[in-house]
Amino acid sequence: MFTIIGLGNIGNEYKNTRHNVAWIIFDNIFSNLNWQKNKYAESELANTRINDTDVLIVKPQTFMNESGRVIPYLTKTYGTTVENIIVVHDDIDLPLGIIKISHDRGDGGHNGVKSIMSVLGTKEFTRIRVGVSILDDEGILRKPDVLGNFSQDDQIKLEPVSQKTALIIEEIVKQGLQKSMTKYN
């Protein structure tokens, strides 16, 4: 079983922020799933199958810097292992539209990733890093406030980003990490 965790912040004031891009993506690509709030997991959970593989989709209902709190419940109840965790999150160092797969890397200053690393005691899990910054007309990367909302133009770009993320998740589950990194990085 794969466990795919999308990082975000709870509360309506954060709903359309760059920091919540993973939840926006999940709402786009997993809207047809039967989401259940689980107070013990402190998450919204949904089950699906990809290529005959069970997949648990998780939206922690904590603040970003406490995302790791969901890990013990997932480990105990679902048998989640570090080898089968995929964390989807925003990356301020990438422009919107760019998605990178990484494994066994530092937290890059991302507090949600830092929290998960702390609870797992390792950085050896897979991450799908979704760019949220702005590449201006001169090719300079502008890093907006991650707690700022996406512009209407940027919101339009999120649909193809969502579809590409879905393809990457499917590829990792079907073909494994190395082939996926070769294909999408």
N, C-alpha and C. Protein backbone atom coordinates (compact mmCIF):
# COMPACT_ATOMS: atom_id res chain seq x y z
N MET A 1 0.84 -1.19 0.00
CA MET A 1 0.00 0.00 0.00
C MET A 1 0.88 1.25 0.00
N PHE A 2 0.54 2.19 -0.86
CA PHE A 2 1.18 3.49 -0.85
C PHE A 2 0.35 4.46 -0.02
N THR A 3 1.01 5.36 0.67
CA THR A 3 0.35 6.42 1.40
C THR A 3 0.81 7.74 0.81
N ILE A 4 -0.13 8.49 0.26
CA ILE A 4 0.18 9.76 -0.37
C ILE A 4 -0.38 10.87 0.50
N ILE A 5 0.53 11.69 1.01
CA ILE A 5 0.18 12.73 1.97
C ILE A 5 0.33 14.09 1.30
N GLY A 6 -0.74 14.85 1.26
CA GLY A 6 -0.70 16.21 0.72
C GLY A 6 -0.66 17.20 1.87
N LEU A 7 0.33 18.08 1.86
CA LEU A 7 0.50 19.02 2.97
C LEU A 7 -0.27 20.31 2.72
N GLY A 8 -0.81 20.85 3.80
CA GLY A 8 -1.55 22.11 3.73
C GLY A 8 -1.84 22.62 5.12
N ASN A 9 -2.50 23.74 5.19
CA ASN A 9 -2.92 24.35 6.46
C ASN A 9 -4.43 24.30 6.55
N ILE A 10 -4.93 24.04 7.75
CA ILE A 10 -6.37 24.03 7.97
C ILE A 10 -6.90 25.45 8.06
N GLY A 11 -8.16 25.62 7.73
CA GLY A 11 -8.82 26.92 7.84
C GLY A 11 -9.10 27.54 6.48
N ASN A 12 -10.25 28.16 6.36
CA ASN A 12 -10.66 28.78 5.10
C ASN A 12 -9.72 29.88 4.63
N GLU A 13 -9.07 30.56 5.57
CA GLU A 13 -8.17 31.65 5.17
C GLU A 13 -6.94 31.15 4.42
N TYR A 14 -6.67 29.83 4.51
CA TYR A 14 -5.51 29.24 3.82
C TYR A 14 -5.89 28.44 2.58
N LYS A 15 -7.18 28.31 2.33
CA LYS A 15 -7.68 27.39 1.30
C LYS A 15 -7.02 27.57 -0.07
N ASN A 16 -6.84 28.79 -0.52
CA ASN A 16 -6.30 29.05 -1.86
C ASN A 16 -4.89 29.61 -1.84
N THR A 17 -4.16 29.33 -0.76
CA THR A 17 -2.80 29.83 -0.67
C THR A 17 -1.82 28.90 -1.38
N ARG A 18 -0.66 29.43 -1.69
CA ARG A 18 0.39 28.66 -2.35
C ARG A 18 0.83 27.50 -1.46
N HIS A 19 0.82 27.71 -0.15
CA HIS A 19 1.23 26.65 0.78
C HIS A 19 0.27 25.45 0.72
N ASN A 20 -0.94 25.67 0.26
CA ASN A 20 -1.95 24.61 0.19
C ASN A 20 -2.08 24.00 -1.19
N VAL A 21 -1.07 24.16 -2.02
CA VAL A 21 -1.17 23.66 -3.40
C VAL A 21 -1.44 22.16 -3.45
N ALA A 22 -0.91 21.39 -2.52
CA ALA A 22 -1.15 19.94 -2.52
C ALA A 22 -2.63 19.64 -2.30
N TRP A 23 -3.27 20.37 -1.41
CA TRP A 23 -4.70 20.14 -1.18
C TRP A 23 -5.52 20.57 -2.39
N ILE A 24 -5.12 21.65 -3.03
CA ILE A 24 -5.81 22.09 -4.24
C ILE A 24 -5.69 21.00 -5.31
N ILE A 25 -4.50 20.46 -5.46
CA ILE A 25 -4.28 19.38 -6.42
C ILE A 25 -5.12 18.17 -6.06
N PHE A 26 -5.12 17.77 -4.79
CA PHE A 26 -5.91 16.61 -4.36
C PHE A 26 -7.39 16.84 -4.63
N ASP A 27 -7.87 18.06 -4.37
CA ASP A 27 -9.28 18.37 -4.65
C ASP A 27 -9.58 18.25 -6.14
N ASN A 28 -8.60 18.56 -6.98
CA ASN A 28 -8.79 18.45 -8.43
C ASN A 28 -8.75 17.00 -8.91
N ILE A 29 -7.81 16.22 -8.43
CA ILE A 29 -7.62 14.88 -9.00
C ILE A 29 -8.29 13.76 -8.22
N PHE A 30 -8.64 14.03 -6.97
CA PHE A 30 -9.27 12.98 -6.16
C PHE A 30 -10.67 13.39 -5.69
N SER A 31 -11.33 14.26 -6.42
CA SER A 31 -12.64 14.76 -6.00
C SER A 31 -13.71 13.67 -6.01
N ASN A 32 -13.49 12.62 -6.81
CA ASN A 32 -14.48 11.55 -6.92
C ASN A 32 -14.37 10.51 -5.81
N LEU A 33 -13.35 10.62 -4.96
CA LEU A 33 -13.17 9.64 -3.90
C LEU A 33 -14.07 9.93 -2.71
N ASN A 34 -14.29 8.92 -1.90
CA ASN A 34 -15.11 9.04 -0.70
C ASN A 34 -14.22 9.47 0.47
N TRP A 35 -14.09 10.77 0.67
CA TRP A 35 -13.25 11.31 1.74
C TRP A 35 -13.96 11.17 3.08
N GLN A 36 -13.19 10.75 4.08
CA GLN A 36 -13.71 10.58 5.44
C GLN A 36 -12.82 11.34 6.42
N LYS A 37 -13.44 12.11 7.30
CA LYS A 37 -12.67 12.74 8.37
C LYS A 37 -12.40 11.70 9.42
N ASN A 38 -11.15 11.61 9.86
CA ASN A 38 -10.76 10.66 10.89
C ASN A 38 -10.08 11.43 12.00
N LYS A 39 -10.77 11.56 13.13
CA LYS A 39 -10.23 12.37 14.22
C LYS A 39 -8.99 11.76 14.83
N TYR A 40 -8.86 10.44 14.78
CA TYR A 40 -7.67 9.79 15.34
C TYR A 40 -6.46 10.00 14.44
N ALA A 41 -6.69 10.03 13.17
CA ALA A 41 -5.61 10.29 12.21
C ALA A 41 -5.35 11.80 12.07
N GLU A 42 -6.26 12.60 12.60
CA GLU A 42 -6.21 14.06 12.43
C GLU A 42 -6.08 14.39 10.94
N SER A 43 -6.88 13.70 10.13
CA SER A 43 -6.77 13.81 8.68
C SER A 43 -8.10 13.56 8.01
N GLU A 44 -8.15 13.97 6.75
CA GLU A 44 -9.17 13.49 5.84
C GLU A 44 -8.49 12.38 5.05
N LEU A 45 -9.17 11.24 4.94
CA LEU A 45 -8.59 10.06 4.28
C LEU A 45 -9.50 9.58 3.16
N ALA A 46 -8.88 9.04 2.14
CA ALA A 46 -9.62 8.42 1.04
C ALA A 46 -8.80 7.24 0.53
N ASN A 47 -9.49 6.21 0.11
CA ASN A 47 -8.83 5.03 -0.45
C ASN A 47 -9.10 4.94 -1.94
N THR A 48 -8.09 4.46 -2.66
CA THR A 48 -8.25 4.22 -4.09
C THR A 48 -7.30 3.10 -4.49
N ARG A 49 -7.34 2.75 -5.74
CA ARG A 49 -6.41 1.75 -6.29
C ARG A 49 -5.77 2.32 -7.54
N ILE A 50 -4.48 2.09 -7.67
CA ILE A 50 -3.75 2.46 -8.87
C ILE A 50 -3.02 1.21 -9.33
N ASN A 51 -3.35 0.73 -10.52
CA ASN A 51 -2.68 -0.44 -11.07
C ASN A 51 -2.73 -1.63 -10.10
N ASP A 52 -3.89 -1.90 -9.57
CA ASP A 52 -4.10 -2.99 -8.62
C ASP A 52 -3.33 -2.83 -7.32
N THR A 53 -2.91 -1.63 -7.00
CA THR A 53 -2.21 -1.36 -5.75
C THR A 53 -3.10 -0.46 -4.89
N ASP A 54 -3.28 -0.83 -3.62
CA ASP A 54 -4.05 0.01 -2.70
C ASP A 54 -3.27 1.27 -2.41
N VAL A 55 -4.01 2.40 -2.41
CA VAL A 55 -3.40 3.69 -2.15
C VAL A 55 -4.28 4.44 -1.16
N LEU A 56 -3.65 4.95 -0.10
CA LEU A 56 -4.33 5.77 0.89
C LEU A 56 -3.94 7.22 0.64
N ILE A 57 -4.94 8.08 0.44
CA ILE A 57 -4.71 9.50 0.21
C ILE A 57 -5.00 10.23 1.52
N VAL A 58 -4.09 11.11 1.93
CA VAL A 58 -4.18 11.75 3.25
C VAL A 58 -4.03 13.26 3.13
N LYS A 59 -4.98 13.98 3.74
CA LYS A 59 -4.85 15.42 3.92
C LYS A 59 -4.84 15.69 5.42
N PRO A 60 -3.64 15.85 6.02
CA PRO A 60 -3.58 16.12 7.46
C PRO A 60 -4.39 17.37 7.81
N GLN A 61 -5.18 17.28 8.85
CA GLN A 61 -5.98 18.41 9.29
C GLN A 61 -5.30 19.07 10.49
N THR A 62 -4.03 19.36 10.30
CA THR A 62 -3.21 20.06 11.28
C THR A 62 -2.65 21.29 10.58
N PHE A 63 -1.98 22.12 11.35
CA PHE A 63 -1.24 23.18 10.68
C PHE A 63 0.02 22.57 10.08
N MET A 64 0.56 23.23 9.07
CA MET A 64 1.67 22.71 8.28
C MET A 64 2.81 22.19 9.16
N ASN A 65 3.21 22.99 10.15
CA ASN A 65 4.38 22.61 10.95
C ASN A 65 4.10 21.45 11.91
N GLU A 66 2.89 20.92 11.89
CA GLU A 66 2.54 19.75 12.71
C GLU A 66 2.11 18.57 11.85
N SER A 67 2.45 18.58 10.58
CA SER A 67 2.01 17.54 9.64
C SER A 67 2.44 16.14 10.07
N GLY A 68 3.57 16.02 10.71
CA GLY A 68 4.08 14.71 11.13
C GLY A 68 3.23 14.01 12.17
N ARG A 69 2.35 14.75 12.83
CA ARG A 69 1.50 14.12 13.86
C ARG A 69 0.63 13.01 13.31
N VAL A 70 0.38 12.99 12.00
CA VAL A 70 -0.49 11.96 11.42
C VAL A 70 0.25 10.63 11.24
N ILE A 71 1.55 10.65 11.21
CA ILE A 71 2.35 9.47 10.87
C ILE A 71 2.13 8.29 11.83
N PRO A 72 2.18 8.48 13.16
CA PRO A 72 2.00 7.31 14.05
C PRO A 72 0.69 6.56 13.82
N TYR A 73 -0.41 7.28 13.61
CA TYR A 73 -1.68 6.61 13.36
C TYR A 73 -1.65 5.84 12.05
N LEU A 74 -1.10 6.45 11.02
CA LEU A 74 -1.03 5.78 9.72
C LEU A 74 -0.16 4.53 9.79
N THR A 75 0.91 4.60 10.53
CA THR A 75 1.81 3.46 10.68
C THR A 75 1.10 2.32 11.43
N LYS A 76 0.46 2.67 12.52
CA LYS A 76 -0.20 1.67 13.36
C LYS A 76 -1.43 1.06 12.69
N THR A 77 -2.26 1.88 12.09
CA THR A 77 -3.54 1.43 11.56
C THR A 77 -3.45 0.87 10.15
N TYR A 78 -2.62 1.48 9.31
CA TYR A 78 -2.56 1.09 7.90
C TYR A 78 -1.25 0.40 7.52
N GLY A 79 -0.35 0.30 8.45
CA GLY A 79 0.94 -0.34 8.14
C GLY A 79 1.81 0.51 7.22
N THR A 80 1.58 1.80 7.22
CA THR A 80 2.37 2.71 6.39
C THR A 80 3.85 2.58 6.74
N THR A 81 4.66 2.43 5.70
CA THR A 81 6.11 2.37 5.90
C THR A 81 6.77 3.52 5.16
N VAL A 82 7.94 3.89 5.61
CA VAL A 82 8.65 5.01 5.00
C VAL A 82 8.91 4.77 3.51
N GLU A 83 9.10 3.52 3.12
CA GLU A 83 9.37 3.19 1.72
C GLU A 83 8.19 3.49 0.80
N ASN A 84 6.99 3.51 1.36
CA ASN A 84 5.79 3.69 0.55
C ASN A 84 5.07 5.00 0.81
N ILE A 85 5.77 5.96 1.42
CA ILE A 85 5.19 7.29 1.63
C ILE A 85 5.59 8.21 0.49
N ILE A 86 4.61 8.91 -0.03
CA ILE A 86 4.85 9.97 -1.01
C ILE A 86 4.22 11.24 -0.44
N VAL A 87 5.03 12.26 -0.24
CA VAL A 87 4.55 13.53 0.29
C VAL A 87 4.50 14.56 -0.85
N VAL A 88 3.34 15.16 -1.04
CA VAL A 88 3.16 16.20 -2.05
C VAL A 88 3.11 17.53 -1.32
N HIS A 89 3.95 18.49 -1.78
CA HIS A 89 3.99 19.78 -1.09
C HIS A 89 4.47 20.89 -2.02
N ASP A 90 4.26 22.11 -1.56
CA ASP A 90 4.70 23.29 -2.30
C ASP A 90 6.21 23.44 -2.20
N ASP A 91 6.80 24.04 -3.24
CA ASP A 91 8.23 24.33 -3.22
C ASP A 91 8.44 25.74 -3.76
N ILE A 92 8.86 26.62 -2.89
CA ILE A 92 9.05 28.03 -3.21
C ILE A 92 10.25 28.24 -4.14
N ASP A 93 11.12 27.25 -4.26
CA ASP A 93 12.31 27.37 -5.11
C ASP A 93 12.06 26.94 -6.55
N LEU A 94 10.82 26.57 -6.86
CA LEU A 94 10.45 26.17 -8.22
C LEU A 94 9.32 27.06 -8.72
N PRO A 95 9.32 27.42 -10.00
CA PRO A 95 8.21 28.21 -10.53
C PRO A 95 6.95 27.34 -10.70
N LEU A 96 5.82 27.99 -10.65
CA LEU A 96 4.54 27.32 -10.86
C LEU A 96 4.58 26.61 -12.22
N GLY A 97 4.19 25.37 -12.23
CA GLY A 97 4.21 24.56 -13.45
C GLY A 97 5.33 23.54 -13.45
N ILE A 98 6.33 23.74 -12.61
CA ILE A 98 7.44 22.80 -12.52
C ILE A 98 7.20 21.88 -11.33
N ILE A 99 7.36 20.58 -11.56
CA ILE A 99 7.18 19.57 -10.52
C ILE A 99 8.41 18.69 -10.53
N LYS A 100 8.97 18.44 -9.35
CA LYS A 100 10.15 17.60 -9.23
C LYS A 100 9.88 16.48 -8.23
N ILE A 101 10.40 15.31 -8.54
CA ILE A 101 10.35 14.17 -7.62
C ILE A 101 11.69 14.13 -6.90
N SER A 102 11.66 13.96 -5.61
CA SER A 102 12.92 13.83 -4.88
C SER A 102 12.79 12.72 -3.84
N HIS A 103 13.94 12.26 -3.40
CA HIS A 103 13.99 11.19 -2.41
C HIS A 103 15.25 11.38 -1.58
N ASP A 104 15.13 11.17 -0.29
CA ASP A 104 16.29 11.22 0.60
C ASP A 104 17.00 12.57 0.54
N ARG A 105 16.21 13.64 0.60
CA ARG A 105 16.75 15.00 0.58
C ARG A 105 16.37 15.72 1.86
N GLY A 106 17.04 16.82 2.13
CA GLY A 106 16.71 17.65 3.28
C GLY A 106 15.35 18.29 3.12
N ASP A 107 14.93 19.01 4.14
CA ASP A 107 13.59 19.59 4.14
C ASP A 107 13.46 20.85 3.31
N GLY A 108 14.59 21.44 2.88
CA GLY A 108 14.55 22.64 2.06
C GLY A 108 13.88 23.82 2.74
N GLY A 109 13.86 23.81 4.08
CA GLY A 109 13.22 24.88 4.82
C GLY A 109 11.71 24.77 4.92
N HIS A 110 11.16 23.65 4.45
CA HIS A 110 9.70 23.45 4.48
C HIS A 110 9.32 22.83 5.82
N ASN A 111 8.53 23.55 6.61
CA ASN A 111 8.20 23.10 7.97
C ASN A 111 7.34 21.84 8.00
N GLY A 112 6.49 21.64 7.02
CA GLY A 112 5.68 20.42 6.97
C GLY A 112 6.56 19.21 6.73
N VAL A 113 7.49 19.32 5.80
CA VAL A 113 8.42 18.23 5.52
C VAL A 113 9.31 17.99 6.73
N LYS A 114 9.75 19.07 7.36
CA LYS A 114 10.59 18.97 8.56
C LYS A 114 9.86 18.20 9.66
N SER A 115 8.58 18.46 9.83
CA SER A 115 7.78 17.77 10.84
C SER A 115 7.68 16.27 10.54
N ILE A 116 7.46 15.92 9.27
CA ILE A 116 7.37 14.51 8.89
C ILE A 116 8.71 13.82 9.10
N MET A 117 9.80 14.48 8.71
CA MET A 117 11.13 13.91 8.92
C MET A 117 11.41 13.66 10.40
N SER A 118 11.00 14.60 11.21
CA SER A 118 11.22 14.48 12.65
C SER A 118 10.50 13.26 13.23
N VAL A 119 9.25 13.07 12.84
CA VAL A 119 8.48 11.94 13.37
C VAL A 119 8.99 10.61 12.79
N LEU A 120 9.30 10.59 11.50
CA LEU A 120 9.81 9.36 10.89
C LEU A 120 11.23 9.03 11.34
N GLY A 121 11.98 10.06 11.71
CA GLY A 121 13.38 9.85 12.09
C GLY A 121 14.29 9.62 10.90
N THR A 122 13.81 9.99 9.70
CA THR A 122 14.58 9.80 8.48
C THR A 122 14.08 10.76 7.41
N LYS A 123 14.92 10.98 6.41
CA LYS A 123 14.52 11.77 5.24
C LYS A 123 14.35 10.88 4.01
N GLU A 124 14.39 9.56 4.22
CA GLU A 124 14.36 8.60 3.11
C GLU A 124 12.93 8.26 2.69
N PHE A 125 12.21 9.27 2.28
CA PHE A 125 10.89 9.05 1.70
C PHE A 125 10.79 9.89 0.44
N THR A 126 9.77 9.61 -0.36
CA THR A 126 9.61 10.26 -1.66
C THR A 126 8.77 11.53 -1.51
N ARG A 127 9.18 12.54 -2.25
CA ARG A 127 8.44 13.80 -2.24
C ARG A 127 8.16 14.24 -3.67
N ILE A 128 6.99 14.80 -3.86
CA ILE A 128 6.64 15.46 -5.11
C ILE A 128 6.56 16.94 -4.77
N ARG A 129 7.54 17.68 -5.27
CA ARG A 129 7.67 19.10 -4.97
C ARG A 129 7.03 19.91 -6.09
N VAL A 130 6.01 20.67 -5.75
CA VAL A 130 5.24 21.43 -6.72
C VAL A 130 5.62 22.91 -6.63
N GLY A 131 6.14 23.43 -7.72
CA GLY A 131 6.55 24.83 -7.74
C GLY A 131 5.38 25.77 -7.55
N VAL A 132 5.62 26.84 -6.76
CA VAL A 132 4.56 27.83 -6.50
C VAL A 132 5.03 29.26 -6.72
N SER A 133 6.27 29.44 -7.15
CA SER A 133 6.79 30.79 -7.34
C SER A 133 6.46 31.31 -8.74
N ILE A 134 6.84 32.54 -8.98
CA ILE A 134 6.52 33.22 -10.23
C ILE A 134 7.80 33.42 -11.03
N LEU A 135 7.80 33.01 -12.28
CA LEU A 135 8.91 33.26 -13.18
C LEU A 135 8.51 34.48 -14.02
N ASP A 136 9.21 35.60 -13.80
CA ASP A 136 8.79 36.83 -14.49
C ASP A 136 9.27 36.84 -15.94
N ASP A 137 8.92 37.90 -16.65
CA ASP A 137 9.24 38.00 -18.08
C ASP A 137 10.73 38.01 -18.36
N GLU A 138 11.54 38.41 -17.39
CA GLU A 138 13.00 38.40 -17.57
C GLU A 138 13.62 37.08 -17.16
N GLY A 139 12.80 36.11 -16.75
CA GLY A 139 13.32 34.81 -16.35
C GLY A 139 13.81 34.76 -14.91
N ILE A 140 13.43 35.75 -14.12
CA ILE A 140 13.84 35.81 -12.72
C ILE A 140 12.75 35.18 -11.87
N LEU A 141 13.16 34.30 -10.96
CA LEU A 141 12.21 33.63 -10.07
C LEU A 141 11.83 34.57 -8.93
N ARG A 142 10.57 34.90 -8.84
CA ARG A 142 10.04 35.75 -7.76
C ARG A 142 9.34 34.86 -6.76
N LYS A 143 9.78 34.96 -5.51
CA LYS A 143 9.23 34.10 -4.46
C LYS A 143 8.19 34.87 -3.64
N PRO A 144 6.92 34.64 -3.94
CA PRO A 144 5.87 35.31 -3.19
C PRO A 144 5.69 34.67 -1.81
N ASP A 145 4.91 35.32 -0.99
CA ASP A 145 4.56 34.78 0.32
C ASP A 145 3.77 33.49 0.12
N VAL A 146 4.22 32.38 0.72
CA VAL A 146 3.51 31.11 0.54
C VAL A 146 2.12 31.14 1.17
N LEU A 147 1.87 32.09 2.05
CA LEU A 147 0.54 32.21 2.63
C LEU A 147 -0.35 33.17 1.84
N GLY A 148 0.18 33.66 0.72
CA GLY A 148 -0.62 34.49 -0.17
C GLY A 148 -1.42 33.61 -1.12
N ASN A 149 -2.55 34.13 -1.56
CA ASN A 149 -3.42 33.39 -2.48
C ASN A 149 -2.85 33.39 -3.90
N PHE A 150 -3.17 32.35 -4.65
CA PHE A 150 -2.85 32.31 -6.06
C PHE A 150 -3.67 33.37 -6.78
N SER A 151 -3.07 34.01 -7.77
CA SER A 151 -3.81 34.94 -8.63
C SER A 151 -4.77 34.13 -9.50
N GLN A 152 -5.70 34.81 -10.15
CA GLN A 152 -6.63 34.10 -11.04
C GLN A 152 -5.87 33.45 -12.19
N ASP A 153 -4.86 34.12 -12.72
CA ASP A 153 -4.05 33.53 -13.79
C ASP A 153 -3.35 32.26 -13.31
N ASP A 154 -2.81 32.32 -12.09
CA ASP A 154 -2.12 31.15 -11.54
C ASP A 154 -3.10 30.00 -11.27
N GLN A 155 -4.32 30.33 -10.85
CA GLN A 155 -5.31 29.29 -10.59
C GLN A 155 -5.62 28.51 -11.86
N ILE A 156 -5.60 29.17 -13.00
CA ILE A 156 -5.85 28.49 -14.28
C ILE A 156 -4.73 27.48 -14.55
N LYS A 157 -3.51 27.82 -14.16
CA LYS A 157 -2.35 26.94 -14.38
C LYS A 157 -2.39 25.71 -13.47
N LEU A 158 -3.19 25.75 -12.42
CA LEU A 158 -3.21 24.64 -11.47
C LEU A 158 -3.88 23.38 -12.02
N GLU A 159 -4.75 23.51 -13.00
CA GLU A 159 -5.39 22.32 -13.57
C GLU A 159 -4.37 21.44 -14.28
N PRO A 160 -3.53 21.97 -15.19
CA PRO A 160 -2.51 21.10 -15.79
C PRO A 160 -1.47 20.62 -14.77
N VAL A 161 -1.18 21.43 -13.77
CA VAL A 161 -0.26 21.00 -12.69
C VAL A 161 -0.87 19.81 -11.97
N SER A 162 -2.16 19.88 -11.70
CA SER A 162 -2.86 18.78 -11.03
C SER A 162 -2.80 17.51 -11.87
N GLN A 163 -3.05 17.63 -13.16
CA GLN A 163 -3.03 16.46 -14.04
C GLN A 163 -1.63 15.85 -14.13
N LYS A 164 -0.62 16.69 -14.19
CA LYS A 164 0.75 16.18 -14.23
C LYS A 164 1.11 15.47 -12.91
N THR A 165 0.67 16.05 -11.81
CA THR A 165 0.91 15.41 -10.51
C THR A 165 0.25 14.05 -10.45
N ALA A 166 -0.97 13.94 -10.98
CA ALA A 166 -1.67 12.65 -11.02
C ALA A 166 -0.88 11.63 -11.83
N LEU A 167 -0.33 12.06 -12.96
CA LEU A 167 0.48 11.15 -13.79
C LEU A 167 1.75 10.71 -13.05
N ILE A 168 2.37 11.63 -12.33
CA ILE A 168 3.58 11.30 -11.58
C ILE A 168 3.27 10.29 -10.48
N ILE A 169 2.18 10.52 -9.74
CA ILE A 169 1.78 9.57 -8.69
C ILE A 169 1.55 8.19 -9.29
N GLU A 170 0.81 8.15 -10.37
CA GLU A 170 0.51 6.88 -11.04
C GLU A 170 1.80 6.19 -11.49
N GLU A 171 2.71 6.95 -12.04
CA GLU A 171 3.99 6.40 -12.52
C GLU A 171 4.82 5.82 -11.37
N ILE A 172 4.87 6.53 -10.26
CA ILE A 172 5.63 6.03 -9.10
C ILE A 172 5.04 4.72 -8.62
N VAL A 173 3.72 4.66 -8.51
CA VAL A 173 3.06 3.44 -8.03
C VAL A 173 3.28 2.29 -9.01
N LYS A 174 3.16 2.56 -10.31
CA LYS A 174 3.27 1.50 -11.33
C LYS A 174 4.71 1.10 -11.62
N GLN A 175 5.59 2.08 -11.81
CA GLN A 175 6.93 1.82 -12.32
C GLN A 175 8.05 1.97 -11.30
N GLY A 176 7.75 2.54 -10.14
CA GLY A 176 8.79 2.73 -9.14
C GLY A 176 9.42 4.11 -9.21
N LEU A 177 10.19 4.41 -8.21
CA LEU A 177 10.76 5.74 -8.04
C LEU A 177 11.78 6.09 -9.12
N GLN A 178 12.74 5.21 -9.37
CA GLN A 178 13.83 5.54 -10.29
C GLN A 178 13.34 5.81 -11.70
N LYS A 179 12.47 4.96 -12.22
CA LYS A 179 11.92 5.19 -13.56
C LYS A 179 11.13 6.47 -13.63
N SER A 180 10.39 6.75 -12.55
CA SER A 180 9.59 7.97 -12.50
C SER A 180 10.46 9.22 -12.48
N MET A 181 11.53 9.17 -11.71
CA MET A 181 12.44 10.30 -11.65
C MET A 181 13.10 10.53 -13.00
N THR A 182 13.48 9.47 -13.66
CA THR A 182 14.10 9.58 -14.99
C THR A 182 13.11 10.19 -15.98
N LYS A 183 11.86 9.79 -15.91
CA LYS A 183 10.86 10.26 -16.86
C LYS A 183 10.44 11.71 -16.59
N TYR A 184 10.27 12.10 -15.32
CA TYR A 184 9.67 13.39 -15.00
C TYR A 184 10.64 14.45 -14.51
N ASN A 185 11.82 14.07 -14.09
CA ASN A 185 12.76 15.11 -13.64
C ASN A 185 13.57 15.55 -14.82
